[in-house]
Structure formats: C-alpha cells, structure tokens
Amino acid sequence: MRAIITKYLGPSDTKGSRIKASVDDLPSVTIHYDDALSSEQNHVAAAVALLDRLGWADRPLATGCTDAFYVHVLLDPVVRPDQLRRP
C-alpha cells in the first residue's frame, strides 16, 4: 500500500504558498496554493497531480491529516479480511 504525503510550504521572497506531494523516493510534485479552494482541497489537488504524474490517476484515494501534513492512501485494490492469509 502506498501513501502520499502532502505538506504546506509557506511563501518565500520569490514564491507564493505551495503544496508539495511525495511518495517514498519517487519524484515529487509541488503546486501553487489556490486561495479559491479549502486547505484540504489544495492538498487533495496536489495528491491528484502526483497520481497523474506517476500514472496512477485511476486509483481511489482516501485522505486524512495529522498536525503536520495530510496523508492520502491508495485504496485499490481493496483487500477484505477473508482474503488475508493466516500463518
């Protein structure tokens, strides 16, 4: 199961606010913060941009957050408890 982490990057002297999306050691994506969207919507937009870049755009996504960042988990394929192997 892969998890995408998105984190808010505050404005600098040369760039406005941004959201960075990353997963493991794969290439990341950084998008501009859209003031017309909510904070969560901006984080989801960054996660979707990364999914598009990695060719995973057709995968369902669940979103949650911590105090420091948002976490987006790829849900497909869904594994039911009865499908798990027992030792």
PDB file of N, CA and C in Angstrom:
ATOM      1  N   MET A   1       0.847  -1.172   0.000  1.00  0.00           N
ATOM      2  CA  MET A   1       0.000   0.000   0.000  1.00  0.00           C
ATOM      3  C   MET A   1       0.888   1.229   0.000  1.00  0.00           C
ATOM      4  N   ARG A   2       0.614   2.163  -0.867  1.00  0.00           N
ATOM      5  CA  ARG A   2       1.371   3.403  -0.956  1.00  0.00           C
ATOM      6  C   ARG A   2       0.606   4.529  -0.293  1.00  0.00           C
ATOM      7  N   ALA A   3       1.332   5.434   0.347  1.00  0.00           N
ATOM      8  CA  ALA A   3       0.733   6.613   0.957  1.00  0.00           C
ATOM      9  C   ALA A   3       1.429   7.852   0.408  1.00  0.00           C
ATOM     10  N   ILE A   4       0.633   8.824   0.000  1.00  0.00           N
ATOM     11  CA  ILE A   4       1.153  10.102  -0.471  1.00  0.00           C
ATOM     12  C   ILE A   4       1.092  11.077   0.695  1.00  0.00           C
ATOM     13  N   ILE A   5       2.178  11.786   0.929  1.00  0.00           N
ATOM     14  CA  ILE A   5       2.238  12.812   1.964  1.00  0.00           C
ATOM     15  C   ILE A   5       2.200  14.170   1.267  1.00  0.00           C
ATOM     16  N   THR A   6       1.312  15.064   1.732  1.00  0.00           N
ATOM     17  CA  THR A   6       1.294  16.426   1.206  1.00  0.00           C
ATOM     18  C   THR A   6       1.557  17.381   2.354  1.00  0.00           C
ATOM     19  N   LYS A   7       2.362  18.393   2.067  1.00  0.00           N
ATOM     20  CA  LYS A   7       2.771  19.336   3.099  1.00  0.00           C
ATOM     21  C   LYS A   7       2.700  20.758   2.559  1.00  0.00           C
ATOM     22  N   TYR A   8       2.197  21.666   3.398  1.00  0.00           N
ATOM     23  CA  TYR A   8       2.104  23.086   3.052  1.00  0.00           C
ATOM     24  C   TYR A   8       3.495  23.715   3.119  1.00  0.00           C
ATOM     25  N   LEU A   9       3.850  24.473   2.082  1.00  0.00           N
ATOM     26  CA  LEU A   9       5.095  25.237   2.052  1.00  0.00           C
ATOM     27  C   LEU A   9       4.719  26.711   2.024  1.00  0.00           C
ATOM     28  N   GLY A  10       5.077  27.434   3.054  1.00  0.00           N
ATOM     29  CA  GLY A  10       4.727  28.846   3.147  1.00  0.00           C
ATOM     30  C   GLY A  10       5.434  29.688   2.091  1.00  0.00           C
ATOM     31  N   PRO A  11       4.962  30.914   1.918  1.00  0.00           N
ATOM     32  CA  PRO A  11       5.552  31.786   0.901  1.00  0.00           C
ATOM     33  C   PRO A  11       6.994  32.165   1.249  1.00  0.00           C
ATOM     34  N   SER A  12       7.771  32.403   0.203  1.00  0.00           N
ATOM     35  CA  SER A  12       9.149  32.876   0.376  1.00  0.00           C
ATOM     36  C   SER A  12       9.262  34.253  -0.274  1.00  0.00           C
ATOM     37  N   ASP A  13      10.468  34.765  -0.373  1.00  0.00           N
ATOM     38  CA  ASP A  13      10.662  36.063  -1.023  1.00  0.00           C
ATOM     39  C   ASP A  13      10.349  36.017  -2.518  1.00  0.00           C
ATOM     40  N   THR A  14      10.459  34.829  -3.111  1.00  0.00           N
ATOM     41  CA  THR A  14      10.279  34.713  -4.559  1.00  0.00           C
ATOM     42  C   THR A  14       9.097  33.854  -4.988  1.00  0.00           C
ATOM     43  N   LYS A  15       8.532  33.056  -4.076  1.00  0.00           N
ATOM     44  CA  LYS A  15       7.439  32.144  -4.429  1.00  0.00           C
ATOM     45  C   LYS A  15       6.289  32.292  -3.453  1.00  0.00           C
ATOM     46  N   GLY A  16       5.077  32.084  -3.961  1.00  0.00           N
ATOM     47  CA  GLY A  16       3.906  32.097  -3.097  1.00  0.00           C
ATOM     48  C   GLY A  16       3.766  30.770  -2.360  1.00  0.00           C
ATOM     49  N   SER A  17       2.687  30.628  -1.619  1.00  0.00           N
ATOM     50  CA  SER A  17       2.411  29.388  -0.889  1.00  0.00           C
ATOM     51  C   SER A  17       2.244  28.236  -1.864  1.00  0.00           C
ATOM     52  N   ARG A  18       2.687  27.059  -1.445  1.00  0.00           N
ATOM     53  CA  ARG A  18       2.629  25.872  -2.298  1.00  0.00           C
ATOM     54  C   ARG A  18       2.287  24.649  -1.463  1.00  0.00           C
ATOM     55  N   ILE A  19       1.921  23.573  -2.154  1.00  0.00           N
ATOM     56  CA  ILE A  19       1.702  22.267  -1.531  1.00  0.00           C
ATOM     57  C   ILE A  19       2.615  21.279  -2.248  1.00  0.00           C
ATOM     58  N   LYS A  20       3.390  20.528  -1.463  1.00  0.00           N
ATOM     59  CA  LYS A  20       4.283  19.515  -2.036  1.00  0.00           C
ATOM     60  C   LYS A  20       3.720  18.138  -1.749  1.00  0.00           C
ATOM     61  N   ALA A  21       3.655  17.303  -2.786  1.00  0.00           N
ATOM     62  CA  ALA A  21       3.177  15.918  -2.664  1.00  0.00           C
ATOM     63  C   ALA A  21       4.332  14.975  -2.967  1.00  0.00           C
ATOM     64  N   SER A  22       4.506  13.962  -2.108  1.00  0.00           N
ATOM     65  CA  SER A  22       5.580  12.995  -2.330  1.00  0.00           C
ATOM     66  C   SER A  22       5.142  11.617  -1.854  1.00  0.00           C
ATOM     67  N   VAL A  23       5.797  10.616  -2.420  1.00  0.00           N
ATOM     68  CA  VAL A  23       5.569   9.227  -2.022  1.00  0.00           C
ATOM     69  C   VAL A  23       6.907   8.494  -2.113  1.00  0.00           C
ATOM     70  N   ASP A  24       7.359   7.965  -0.994  1.00  0.00           N
ATOM     71  CA  ASP A  24       8.622   7.222  -0.919  1.00  0.00           C
ATOM     72  C   ASP A  24       9.742   8.023  -1.584  1.00  0.00           C
ATOM     73  N   ASP A  25      10.538   7.352  -2.404  1.00  0.00           N
ATOM     74  CA  ASP A  25      11.665   8.012  -3.071  1.00  0.00           C
ATOM     75  C   ASP A  25      11.353   8.339  -4.537  1.00  0.00           C
ATOM     76  N   LEU A  26      10.078   8.347  -4.902  1.00  0.00           N
ATOM     77  CA  LEU A  26       9.675   8.692  -6.269  1.00  0.00           C
ATOM     78  C   LEU A  26       9.678  10.205  -6.447  1.00  0.00           C
ATOM     79  N   PRO A  27       9.660  10.693  -7.694  1.00  0.00           N
ATOM     80  CA  PRO A  27       9.634  12.144  -7.920  1.00  0.00           C
ATOM     81  C   PRO A  27       8.422  12.790  -7.249  1.00  0.00           C
ATOM     82  N   SER A  28       8.624  13.985  -6.716  1.00  0.00           N
ATOM     83  CA  SER A  28       7.533  14.709  -6.055  1.00  0.00           C
ATOM     84  C   SER A  28       6.922  15.735  -6.997  1.00  0.00           C
ATOM     85  N   VAL A  29       5.806  16.315  -6.558  1.00  0.00           N
ATOM     86  CA  VAL A  29       5.120  17.372  -7.308  1.00  0.00           C
ATOM     87  C   VAL A  29       4.835  18.510  -6.336  1.00  0.00           C
ATOM     88  N   THR A  30       5.046  19.740  -6.785  1.00  0.00           N
ATOM     89  CA  THR A  30       4.716  20.919  -5.992  1.00  0.00           C
ATOM     90  C   THR A  30       3.784  21.794  -6.814  1.00  0.00           C
ATOM     91  N   ILE A  31       2.633  22.169  -6.226  1.00  0.00           N
ATOM     92  CA  ILE A  31       1.669  23.018  -6.930  1.00  0.00           C
ATOM     93  C   ILE A  31       1.464  24.312  -6.138  1.00  0.00           C
ATOM     94  N   HIS A  32       1.005  25.337  -6.841  1.00  0.00           N
ATOM     95  CA  HIS A  32       0.693  26.606  -6.186  1.00  0.00           C
ATOM     96  C   HIS A  32      -0.574  26.449  -5.350  1.00  0.00           C
ATOM     97  N   TYR A  33      -0.616  27.093  -4.196  1.00  0.00           N
ATOM     98  CA  TYR A  33      -1.786  27.081  -3.325  1.00  0.00           C
ATOM     99  C   TYR A  33      -2.868  27.936  -3.968  1.00  0.00           C
ATOM    100  N   ASP A  34      -4.061  27.363  -4.146  1.00  0.00           N
ATOM    101  CA  ASP A  34      -5.194  28.061  -4.760  1.00  0.00           C
ATOM    102  C   ASP A  34      -6.097  28.590  -3.648  1.00  0.00           C
ATOM    103  N   ASP A  35      -6.139  29.921  -3.479  1.00  0.00           N
ATOM    104  CA  ASP A  35      -6.939  30.523  -2.411  1.00  0.00           C
ATOM    105  C   ASP A  35      -8.438  30.295  -2.579  1.00  0.00           C
ATOM    106  N   ALA A  36      -8.869  29.906  -3.779  1.00  0.00           N
ATOM    107  CA  ALA A  36     -10.291  29.635  -4.018  1.00  0.00           C
ATOM    108  C   ALA A  36     -10.707  28.279  -3.440  1.00  0.00           C
ATOM    109  N   LEU A  37      -9.724  27.432  -3.082  1.00  0.00           N
ATOM    110  CA  LEU A  37     -10.001  26.104  -2.533  1.00  0.00           C
ATOM    111  C   LEU A  37      -9.751  26.097  -1.031  1.00  0.00           C
ATOM    112  N   SER A  38     -10.333  25.121  -0.347  1.00  0.00           N
ATOM    113  CA  SER A  38     -10.043  24.929   1.080  1.00  0.00           C
ATOM    114  C   SER A  38      -8.647  24.319   1.217  1.00  0.00           C
ATOM    115  N   SER A  39      -8.155  24.296   2.431  1.00  0.00           N
ATOM    116  CA  SER A  39      -6.853  23.688   2.677  1.00  0.00           C
ATOM    117  C   SER A  39      -6.854  22.220   2.241  1.00  0.00           C
ATOM    118  N   GLU A  40      -7.880  21.471   2.654  1.00  0.00           N
ATOM    119  CA  GLU A  40      -7.942  20.055   2.277  1.00  0.00           C
ATOM    120  C   GLU A  40      -8.022  19.887   0.767  1.00  0.00           C
ATOM    121  N   GLN A  41      -8.799  20.724   0.097  1.00  0.00           N
ATOM    122  CA  GLN A  41      -8.914  20.629  -1.359  1.00  0.00           C
ATOM    123  C   GLN A  41      -7.572  20.882  -2.043  1.00  0.00           C
ATOM    124  N   ASN A  42      -6.784  21.812  -1.513  1.00  0.00           N
ATOM    125  CA  ASN A  42      -5.455  22.063  -2.061  1.00  0.00           C
ATOM    126  C   ASN A  42      -4.554  20.846  -1.889  1.00  0.00           C
ATOM    127  N   HIS A  43      -4.637  20.195  -0.737  1.00  0.00           N
ATOM    128  CA  HIS A  43      -3.815  19.008  -0.503  1.00  0.00           C
ATOM    129  C   HIS A  43      -4.245  17.857  -1.405  1.00  0.00           C
ATOM    130  N   VAL A  44      -5.542  17.689  -1.584  1.00  0.00           N
ATOM    131  CA  VAL A  44      -6.037  16.645  -2.491  1.00  0.00           C
ATOM    132  C   VAL A  44      -5.600  16.953  -3.924  1.00  0.00           C
ATOM    133  N   ALA A  45      -5.655  18.222  -4.334  1.00  0.00           N
ATOM    134  CA  ALA A  45      -5.227  18.606  -5.685  1.00  0.00           C
ATOM    135  C   ALA A  45      -3.756  18.254  -5.910  1.00  0.00           C
ATOM    136  N   ALA A  46      -2.920  18.463  -4.900  1.00  0.00           N
ATOM    137  CA  ALA A  46      -1.502  18.112  -5.018  1.00  0.00           C
ATOM    138  C   ALA A  46      -1.329  16.599  -5.126  1.00  0.00           C
ATOM    139  N   ALA A  47      -2.080  15.853  -4.318  1.00  0.00           N
ATOM    140  CA  ALA A  47      -2.004  14.389  -4.378  1.00  0.00           C
ATOM    141  C   ALA A  47      -2.448  13.881  -5.745  1.00  0.00           C
ATOM    142  N   VAL A  48      -3.510  14.450  -6.281  1.00  0.00           N
ATOM    143  CA  VAL A  48      -4.007  14.046  -7.601  1.00  0.00           C
ATOM    144  C   VAL A  48      -2.988  14.399  -8.687  1.00  0.00           C
ATOM    145  N   ALA A  49      -2.327  15.553  -8.567  1.00  0.00           N
ATOM    146  CA  ALA A  49      -1.287  15.928  -9.524  1.00  0.00           C
ATOM    147  C   ALA A  49      -0.150  14.908  -9.514  1.00  0.00           C
ATOM    148  N   LEU A  50       0.205  14.423  -8.319  1.00  0.00           N
ATOM    149  CA  LEU A  50       1.245  13.395  -8.232  1.00  0.00           C
ATOM    150  C   LEU A  50       0.760  12.075  -8.826  1.00  0.00           C
ATOM    151  N   LEU A  51      -0.490  11.712  -8.537  1.00  0.00           N
ATOM    152  CA  LEU A  51      -1.058  10.497  -9.137  1.00  0.00           C
ATOM    153  C   LEU A  51      -1.007  10.571 -10.652  1.00  0.00           C
ATOM    154  N   ASP A  52      -1.359  11.729 -11.215  1.00  0.00           N
ATOM    155  CA  ASP A  52      -1.304  11.919 -12.675  1.00  0.00           C
ATOM    156  C   ASP A  52       0.119  11.729 -13.188  1.00  0.00           C
ATOM    157  N   ARG A  53       1.082  12.328 -12.495  1.00  0.00           N
ATOM    158  CA  ARG A  53       2.477  12.235 -12.925  1.00  0.00           C
ATOM    159  C   ARG A  53       2.984  10.799 -12.898  1.00  0.00           C
ATOM    160  N   LEU A  54       2.558  10.028 -11.905  1.00  0.00           N
ATOM    161  CA  LEU A  54       3.030   8.656 -11.757  1.00  0.00           C
ATOM    162  C   LEU A  54       2.202   7.643 -12.554  1.00  0.00           C
ATOM    163  N   GLY A  55       1.135   8.107 -13.208  1.00  0.00           N
ATOM    164  CA  GLY A  55       0.296   7.201 -13.982  1.00  0.00           C
ATOM    165  C   GLY A  55      -0.661   6.391 -13.127  1.00  0.00           C
ATOM    166  N   TRP A  56      -0.975   6.880 -11.942  1.00  0.00           N
ATOM    167  CA  TRP A  56      -1.868   6.184 -11.020  1.00  0.00           C
ATOM    168  C   TRP A  56      -3.211   6.883 -10.887  1.00  0.00           C
ATOM    169  N   ALA A  57      -3.593   7.702 -11.845  1.00  0.00           N
ATOM    170  CA  ALA A  57      -4.775   8.564 -11.722  1.00  0.00           C
ATOM    171  C   ALA A  57      -6.083   7.798 -11.575  1.00  0.00           C
ATOM    172  N   ASP A  58      -6.122   6.545 -11.974  1.00  0.00           N
ATOM    173  CA  ASP A  58      -7.370   5.786 -11.916  1.00  0.00           C
ATOM    174  C   ASP A  58      -7.577   5.086 -10.572  1.00  0.00           C
ATOM    175  N   ARG A  59      -6.698   5.330  -9.610  1.00  0.00           N
ATOM    176  CA  ARG A  59      -6.779   4.652  -8.315  1.00  0.00           C
ATOM    177  C   ARG A  59      -7.575   5.473  -7.314  1.00  0.00           C
ATOM    178  N   PRO A  60      -8.482   4.865  -6.529  1.00  0.00           N
ATOM    179  CA  PRO A  60      -9.221   5.596  -5.493  1.00  0.00           C
ATOM    180  C   PRO A  60      -8.282   6.030  -4.370  1.00  0.00           C
ATOM    181  N   LEU A  61      -8.649   7.124  -3.720  1.00  0.00           N
ATOM    182  CA  LEU A  61      -7.791   7.743  -2.725  1.00  0.00           C
ATOM    183  C   LEU A  61      -8.594   8.103  -1.488  1.00  0.00           C
ATOM    184  N   ALA A  62      -8.043   7.834  -0.319  1.00  0.00           N
ATOM    185  CA  ALA A  62      -8.642   8.273   0.947  1.00  0.00           C
ATOM    186  C   ALA A  62      -7.699   9.295   1.567  1.00  0.00           C
ATOM    187  N   THR A  63      -8.255  10.352   2.173  1.00  0.00           N
ATOM    188  CA  THR A  63      -7.454  11.446   2.708  1.00  0.00           C
ATOM    189  C   THR A  63      -7.699  11.622   4.202  1.00  0.00           C
ATOM    190  N   GLY A  64      -6.626  11.869   4.935  1.00  0.00           N
ATOM    191  CA  GLY A  64      -6.692  12.190   6.360  1.00  0.00           C
ATOM    192  C   GLY A  64      -5.571  13.150   6.677  1.00  0.00           C
ATOM    193  N   CYS A  65      -5.503  13.616   7.912  1.00  0.00           N
ATOM    194  CA  CYS A  65      -4.440  14.567   8.234  1.00  0.00           C
ATOM    195  C   CYS A  65      -3.909  14.357   9.647  1.00  0.00           C
ATOM    196  N   THR A  66      -2.700  14.864   9.855  1.00  0.00           N
ATOM    197  CA  THR A  66      -2.068  14.926  11.164  1.00  0.00           C
ATOM    198  C   THR A  66      -1.854  16.408  11.468  1.00  0.00           C
ATOM    199  N   ASP A  67      -1.155  16.708  12.542  1.00  0.00           N
ATOM    200  CA  ASP A  67      -0.853  18.106  12.849  1.00  0.00           C
ATOM    201  C   ASP A  67       0.113  18.718  11.844  1.00  0.00           C
ATOM    202  N   ALA A  68       0.921  17.899  11.194  1.00  0.00           N
ATOM    203  CA  ALA A  68       1.992  18.401  10.337  1.00  0.00           C
ATOM    204  C   ALA A  68       1.725  18.272   8.845  1.00  0.00           C
ATOM    205  N   PHE A  69       0.909  17.309   8.418  1.00  0.00           N
ATOM    206  CA  PHE A  69       0.722  17.087   6.987  1.00  0.00           C
ATOM    207  C   PHE A  69      -0.539  16.269   6.739  1.00  0.00           C
ATOM    208  N   TYR A  70      -0.906  16.163   5.464  1.00  0.00           N
ATOM    209  CA  TYR A  70      -2.013  15.310   5.037  1.00  0.00           C
ATOM    210  C   TYR A  70      -1.442  13.991   4.528  1.00  0.00           C
ATOM    211  N   VAL A  71      -2.219  12.929   4.680  1.00  0.00           N
ATOM    212  CA  VAL A  71      -1.844  11.606   4.196  1.00  0.00           C
ATOM    213  C   VAL A  71      -2.953  11.129   3.267  1.00  0.00           C
ATOM    214  N   HIS A  72      -2.581  10.666   2.090  1.00  0.00           N
ATOM    215  CA  HIS A  72      -3.532  10.179   1.087  1.00  0.00           C
ATOM    216  C   HIS A  72      -3.145   8.735   0.778  1.00  0.00           C
ATOM    217  N   VAL A  73      -4.064   7.820   0.984  1.00  0.00           N
ATOM    218  CA  VAL A  73      -3.772   6.398   0.834  1.00  0.00           C
ATOM    219  C   VAL A  73      -4.496   5.859  -0.386  1.00  0.00           C
ATOM    220  N   LEU A  74      -3.759   5.143  -1.216  1.00  0.00           N
ATOM    221  CA  LEU A  74      -4.347   4.488  -2.385  1.00  0.00           C
ATOM    222  C   LEU A  74      -5.125   3.270  -1.914  1.00  0.00           C
ATOM    223  N   LEU A  75      -6.387   3.181  -2.299  1.00  0.00           N
ATOM    224  CA  LEU A  75      -7.269   2.126  -1.800  1.00  0.00           C
ATOM    225  C   LEU A  75      -7.390   0.909  -2.705  1.00  0.00           C
ATOM    226  N   ASP A  76      -7.003   1.008  -3.932  1.00  0.00           N
ATOM    227  CA  ASP A  76      -7.214  -0.067  -4.880  1.00  0.00           C
ATOM    228  C   ASP A  76      -5.946  -0.892  -4.990  1.00  0.00           C
ATOM    229  N   PRO A  77      -5.938  -2.161  -4.917  1.00  0.00           N
ATOM    230  CA  PRO A  77      -7.107  -2.998  -4.740  1.00  0.00           C
ATOM    231  C   PRO A  77      -7.498  -3.117  -3.268  1.00  0.00           C
ATOM    232  N   VAL A  78      -8.766  -3.231  -3.040  1.00  0.00           N
ATOM    233  CA  VAL A  78      -9.272  -3.383  -1.686  1.00  0.00           C
ATOM    234  C   VAL A  78      -9.126  -4.843  -1.274  1.00  0.00           C
ATOM    235  N   VAL A  79      -8.566  -5.075  -0.113  1.00  0.00           N
ATOM    236  CA  VAL A  79      -8.391  -6.433   0.406  1.00  0.00           C
ATOM    237  C   VAL A  79      -9.362  -6.630   1.557  1.00  0.00           C
ATOM    238  N   ARG A  80     -10.191  -7.641   1.442  1.00  0.00           N
ATOM    239  CA  ARG A  80     -11.134  -7.970   2.516  1.00  0.00           C
ATOM    240  C   ARG A  80     -10.431  -8.861   3.531  1.00  0.00           C
ATOM    241  N   PRO A  81     -10.860  -8.804   4.790  1.00  0.00           N
ATOM    242  CA  PRO A  81     -10.232  -9.650   5.831  1.00  0.00           C
ATOM    243  C   PRO A  81     -10.226 -11.123   5.480  1.00  0.00           C
ATOM    244  N   ASP A  82     -11.259 -11.627   4.787  1.00  0.00           N
ATOM    245  CA  ASP A  82     -11.301 -13.056   4.449  1.00  0.00           C
ATOM    246  C   ASP A  82     -10.296 -13.431   3.372  1.00  0.00           C
ATOM    247  N   GLN A  83      -9.674 -12.428   2.729  1.00  0.00           N
ATOM    248  CA  GLN A  83      -8.678 -12.709   1.701  1.00  0.00           C
ATOM    249  C   GLN A  83      -7.269 -12.781   2.271  1.00  0.00           C
ATOM    250  N   LEU A  84      -7.087 -12.424   3.534  1.00  0.00           N
ATOM    251  CA  LEU A  84      -5.767 -12.427   4.139  1.00  0.00           C
ATOM    252  C   LEU A  84      -5.336 -13.853   4.452  1.00  0.00           C
ATOM    253  N   ARG A  85      -4.083 -14.127   4.224  1.00  0.00           N
ATOM    254  CA  ARG A  85      -3.549 -15.453   4.549  1.00  0.00           C
ATOM    255  C   ARG A  85      -3.235 -15.540   6.035  1.00  0.00           C
ATOM    256  N   ARG A  86      -3.559 -16.649   6.594  1.00  0.00           N
ATOM    257  CA  ARG A  86      -3.269 -16.886   8.005  1.00  0.00           C
ATOM    258  C   ARG A  86      -2.037 -17.782   8.095  1.00  0.00           C
ATOM    259  N   PRO A  87      -1.130 -17.505   9.047  1.00  0.00           N
ATOM    260  CA  PRO A  87       0.077 -18.359   9.195  1.00  0.00           C
ATOM    261  C   PRO A  87      -0.261 -19.741   9.690  1.00  0.00           C
TER     262      PRO A  87
END
